[in-house]
Amino acid sequence: MLDKERMPRHVAIIMDGNGRWAKKKGLSRLKGHHAGMEAMKEIVRCSSDIGLEYLTVYAFSTENWKRSVEEVSGIFRLLVKFVDLDLDEMHEQNVRVKAFGDYSGIPAASRRSMDETLERTKDNTGLQFNIALNYGGRDDIIRAVNQIAEEVRTGGIEGEITEEMISSRLYSGDVNGNVPDPDLIIRTSGEQRLSNFLLWQCAYSEFVFTDVLWPDFTPEIFMELIEEYQNRDRRFGGR
């Protein structure tokens, strides 16, 4: 049973294992990504229902462009399908959708769908659902540092650079309302690495790794992992 008094404010998920799930079942990788989109939809709904404030998912990294043209194109077609089919439900659930990453270079149809989603849900006040799209943690930090350098050059910043200055210029703090750092980061499929995800923001996050492949990840498993988080003693380096 979840303890409402110890709920994380922000959960981030590295959704891993679509390809391996498909291979195990003798299906194409795109079938795996489709199943992964369905799992994501259920977790968004669950997050809203349990009162989570922020959910961030790693949808497409800056490194994912290295995959085949067929797979990349298929992923973006699925993204359009997800957004188009589920926008009404997310809006009705009062979910606010935000984007982490530079999605200006993704296919036009996907970009238009994202723009429509961001615009339509911008005034919602429930769960903030952050989609990390063409996102990389190092790129996020470089982008913030370059903004600061330009402000120093033009006289907008004087004195020492602070953590707050960098944090406020990351995707999580830029146009997204200063999203708090993730309390909990979950990675599925048994891999135990960050893969360039929220590198600055994860400084004091709790990590949970599960062997479950992402398409098999259910709201019940999600809540079990949140319970595991609630049983931890977070010290933030204090002792």
Protein backbone atom coordinates (compact mmCIF):
# COMPACT_ATOMS: atom_id res chain seq x y z
CA MET A 1 0.00 0.00 0.00
CA LEU A 2 1.40 3.40 -0.96
CA ASP A 3 2.06 5.85 1.86
CA LYS A 4 0.56 9.13 0.68
CA GLU A 5 2.81 11.00 3.10
CA ARG A 6 5.99 9.61 1.49
CA MET A 7 5.10 9.90 -2.17
CA PRO A 8 7.90 10.97 -4.50
CA ARG A 9 7.14 14.22 -6.25
CA HIS A 10 8.98 13.25 -9.43
CA VAL A 11 9.55 9.80 -10.95
CA ALA A 12 11.66 9.36 -14.10
CA ILE A 13 11.71 6.19 -16.17
CA ILE A 14 14.22 4.78 -18.65
CA MET A 15 11.85 2.63 -20.70
CA ASP A 16 14.13 -0.17 -21.87
CA GLY A 17 13.54 -3.58 -23.40
CA ASN A 18 11.11 -3.09 -26.30
CA GLY A 19 13.44 -4.77 -28.79
CA ARG A 20 14.25 -7.73 -26.56
CA TRP A 21 10.56 -8.20 -25.75
CA ALA A 22 9.76 -8.36 -29.46
CA LYS A 23 12.64 -10.74 -30.21
CA LYS A 24 11.50 -13.13 -27.48
CA LYS A 25 8.08 -13.26 -29.12
CA GLY A 26 9.37 -13.50 -32.69
CA LEU A 27 8.00 -10.06 -33.56
CA SER A 28 9.50 -7.03 -35.27
CA ARG A 29 11.17 -4.33 -33.17
CA LEU A 30 8.40 -1.93 -34.16
CA LYS A 31 5.86 -4.30 -32.60
CA GLY A 32 7.92 -4.03 -29.45
CA HIS A 33 7.84 -0.24 -29.58
CA HIS A 34 4.07 -0.35 -30.10
CA ALA A 35 3.68 -2.51 -27.00
CA GLY A 36 5.97 -0.09 -25.17
CA MET A 37 3.73 2.84 -26.09
CA GLU A 38 0.75 0.96 -24.65
CA ALA A 39 2.67 0.38 -21.42
CA MET A 40 3.58 4.07 -21.26
CA LYS A 41 -0.06 5.04 -21.63
CA GLU A 42 -0.99 2.86 -18.64
CA ILE A 43 1.79 4.35 -16.49
CA VAL A 44 0.73 7.91 -17.34
CA ARG A 45 -2.83 7.05 -16.34
CA CYS A 46 -1.64 5.39 -13.12
CA SER A 47 0.64 8.32 -12.25
CA SER A 48 -2.28 10.70 -12.60
CA ASP A 49 -4.57 8.47 -10.54
CA ILE A 50 -2.14 8.15 -7.59
CA GLY A 51 -1.46 11.89 -7.49
CA LEU A 52 2.12 11.95 -8.73
CA GLU A 53 3.21 15.49 -9.53
CA TYR A 54 5.83 14.81 -12.22
CA LEU A 55 6.55 11.86 -14.50
CA THR A 56 9.43 11.97 -16.99
CA VAL A 57 9.99 9.25 -19.59
CA TYR A 58 13.02 8.75 -21.83
CA ALA A 59 11.23 8.42 -25.18
CA PHE A 60 14.03 9.08 -27.70
CA SER A 61 17.65 9.92 -26.96
CA THR A 62 20.15 11.90 -29.01
CA GLU A 63 21.93 8.57 -29.58
CA ASN A 64 18.84 6.77 -30.91
CA TRP A 65 19.36 8.35 -34.34
CA LYS A 66 22.04 5.68 -34.85
CA ARG A 67 19.32 3.04 -35.23
CA SER A 68 18.00 2.01 -38.63
CA VAL A 69 15.96 4.51 -40.64
CA GLU A 70 13.04 2.08 -40.59
CA GLU A 71 13.07 1.78 -36.80
CA VAL A 72 13.48 5.52 -36.18
CA SER A 73 10.69 6.37 -38.62
CA GLY A 74 8.47 3.77 -37.00
CA ILE A 75 9.09 5.17 -33.51
CA PHE A 76 8.00 8.63 -34.60
CA ARG A 77 4.90 7.28 -36.34
CA LEU A 78 3.99 5.55 -33.09
CA LEU A 79 4.56 8.79 -31.19
CA VAL A 80 2.12 10.59 -33.48
CA LYS A 81 -0.40 7.78 -33.00
CA PHE A 82 -0.02 7.89 -29.21
CA VAL A 83 -0.42 11.65 -29.04
CA ASP A 84 -3.33 11.80 -31.47
CA LEU A 85 -5.28 8.97 -29.82
CA ASP A 86 -4.62 9.87 -26.20
CA LEU A 87 -4.54 13.67 -26.20
CA ASP A 88 -8.23 13.93 -25.32
CA GLU A 89 -7.85 11.54 -22.38
CA MET A 90 -4.72 13.28 -21.06
CA HIS A 91 -6.49 16.63 -21.33
CA GLU A 92 -9.56 15.28 -19.51
CA GLN A 93 -7.27 13.93 -16.77
CA ASN A 94 -5.82 17.45 -16.35
CA VAL A 95 -2.36 16.20 -17.45
CA ARG A 96 0.10 18.88 -18.58
CA VAL A 97 2.58 17.66 -21.21
CA LYS A 98 6.05 19.15 -21.54
CA ALA A 99 9.04 18.29 -23.72
CA PHE A 100 12.65 17.84 -22.64
CA GLY A 101 15.05 18.01 -25.56
CA ASP A 102 15.37 19.69 -28.94
CA TYR A 103 12.55 18.14 -30.92
CA SER A 104 12.74 20.72 -33.73
CA GLY A 105 14.57 18.25 -35.95
CA ILE A 106 12.16 15.33 -35.66
CA PRO A 107 9.77 14.50 -38.53
CA ALA A 108 7.22 17.23 -39.25
CA ALA A 109 4.13 15.17 -38.37
CA SER A 110 5.58 14.26 -34.97
CA ARG A 111 6.59 17.85 -34.36
CA ARG A 112 3.11 19.14 -35.16
CA SER A 113 1.55 16.57 -32.83
CA MET A 114 3.88 17.56 -30.01
CA ASP A 115 3.23 21.26 -30.58
CA GLU A 116 -0.53 20.66 -30.47
CA THR A 117 -0.23 18.60 -27.29
CA LEU A 118 1.93 21.15 -25.50
CA GLU A 119 -0.40 23.98 -26.47
CA ARG A 120 -3.63 22.21 -25.59
CA THR A 121 -2.48 21.00 -22.17
CA LYS A 122 -0.37 24.00 -21.12
CA ASP A 123 -2.91 25.31 -18.59
CA ASN A 124 -3.67 21.94 -16.98
CA THR A 125 -2.75 21.65 -13.32
CA GLY A 126 -2.54 17.91 -12.66
CA LEU A 127 0.31 15.52 -13.41
CA GLN A 128 3.12 17.08 -15.45
CA PHE A 129 4.16 14.48 -18.01
CA ASN A 130 7.61 15.26 -19.40
CA ILE A 131 8.56 13.50 -22.63
CA ALA A 132 12.34 13.42 -23.14
CA LEU A 133 12.47 13.57 -26.93
CA ASN A 134 15.77 13.87 -28.81
CA TYR A 135 17.20 14.36 -25.33
CA GLY A 136 20.70 13.76 -23.97
CA GLY A 137 21.98 14.64 -20.51
CA ARG A 138 25.32 15.97 -21.74
CA ASP A 139 23.60 18.01 -24.44
CA ASP A 140 21.29 19.41 -21.77
CA ILE A 141 24.25 20.60 -19.68
CA ILE A 142 26.16 22.00 -22.68
CA ARG A 143 23.08 23.93 -23.74
CA ALA A 144 22.74 25.45 -20.26
CA VAL A 145 26.43 26.37 -20.07
CA ASN A 146 26.31 28.04 -23.49
CA GLN A 147 23.32 30.12 -22.40
CA ILE A 148 25.22 31.24 -19.33
CA ALA A 149 28.33 32.03 -21.38
CA GLU A 150 26.27 34.22 -23.69
CA GLU A 151 24.70 36.02 -20.74
CA VAL A 152 28.15 36.61 -19.23
CA ARG A 153 29.38 37.94 -22.59
CA THR A 154 26.50 40.42 -22.84
CA GLY A 155 26.77 41.52 -19.20
CA GLY A 156 23.63 39.80 -17.99
CA ILE A 157 25.54 37.73 -15.43
CA GLU A 158 28.35 38.91 -13.18
CA GLY A 159 30.23 37.00 -10.49
CA GLU A 160 30.38 33.27 -9.86
CA ILE A 161 28.30 30.66 -11.67
CA THR A 162 26.02 28.80 -9.25
CA GLU A 163 24.18 25.49 -9.28
CA GLU A 164 20.92 27.39 -9.44
CA MET A 165 22.01 29.20 -12.59
CA ILE A 166 22.74 25.93 -14.34
CA SER A 167 19.62 24.16 -13.06
CA SER A 168 17.33 26.95 -14.22
CA ARG A 169 18.69 26.73 -17.78
CA LEU A 170 18.28 22.98 -18.19
CA TYR A 171 15.24 21.62 -19.98
CA SER A 172 13.78 20.79 -16.57
CA GLY A 173 14.08 24.40 -15.46
CA ASP A 174 13.93 26.41 -18.66
CA VAL A 175 10.39 26.53 -20.01
CA ASN A 176 9.08 23.74 -17.81
CA GLY A 177 8.42 25.51 -14.55
CA ASN A 178 11.52 24.43 -12.61
CA VAL A 179 10.71 20.75 -12.37
CA PRO A 180 12.20 19.29 -9.17
CA ASP A 181 15.00 16.77 -9.58
CA PRO A 182 13.68 13.20 -9.78
CA ASP A 183 13.25 11.51 -6.42
CA LEU A 184 13.19 8.10 -8.10
CA ILE A 185 14.65 6.86 -11.38
CA ILE A 186 13.44 3.48 -12.65
CA ARG A 187 15.12 1.50 -15.41
CA THR A 188 13.53 -1.60 -16.85
CA SER A 189 15.01 -4.66 -18.64
CA GLY A 190 17.83 -5.42 -16.19
CA GLU A 191 20.35 -2.90 -17.50
CA GLN A 192 21.98 -0.79 -14.78
CA ARG A 193 23.18 2.44 -16.36
CA LEU A 194 21.86 5.94 -16.97
CA SER A 195 22.43 6.09 -20.74
CA ASN A 196 22.89 9.87 -20.72
CA PHE A 197 19.58 10.56 -18.95
CA LEU A 198 19.14 13.53 -16.58
CA LEU A 199 22.83 13.53 -15.63
CA TRP A 200 22.73 16.80 -13.69
CA GLN A 201 19.30 16.25 -12.16
CA CYS A 202 20.01 12.74 -10.79
CA ALA A 203 22.62 13.82 -8.21
CA TYR A 204 20.56 12.58 -5.25
CA SER A 205 17.94 10.44 -6.95
CA GLU A 206 17.13 6.96 -5.71
CA PHE A 207 17.54 4.24 -8.35
CA VAL A 208 15.54 1.08 -8.87
CA PHE A 209 16.46 -1.44 -11.57
CA THR A 210 14.04 -4.16 -12.59
CA ASP A 211 14.47 -7.12 -14.94
CA VAL A 212 10.98 -6.57 -16.34
CA LEU A 213 11.03 -5.59 -20.01
CA TRP A 214 9.24 -2.31 -20.61
CA PRO A 215 6.20 -3.69 -22.52
CA ASP A 216 5.51 -5.98 -19.53
CA PHE A 217 5.77 -3.11 -17.03
CA THR A 218 2.39 -2.66 -15.35
CA PRO A 219 0.87 -0.14 -12.96
CA GLU A 220 1.06 -2.82 -10.25
CA ILE A 221 4.83 -3.17 -10.73
CA PHE A 222 5.15 0.62 -10.83
CA MET A 223 3.43 0.97 -7.46
CA GLU A 224 5.56 -1.83 -5.98
CA LEU A 225 8.72 0.08 -6.97
CA ILE A 226 7.35 3.28 -5.48
CA GLU A 227 6.73 1.34 -2.25
CA GLU A 228 10.35 0.19 -2.37
CA TYR A 229 11.41 3.83 -2.68
CA GLN A 230 9.22 4.75 0.30
CA ASN A 231 11.07 2.23 2.46
CA ARG A 232 14.44 3.87 1.83
CA ASP A 233 16.13 6.41 4.07
CA ARG A 234 17.15 9.35 1.91
CA ARG A 235 20.11 11.20 3.42
CA PHE A 236 21.23 13.55 0.62
CA GLY A 237 24.84 13.14 1.72
CA GLY A 238 24.09 14.47 5.20
CA ARG A 239 25.18 11.34 7.11
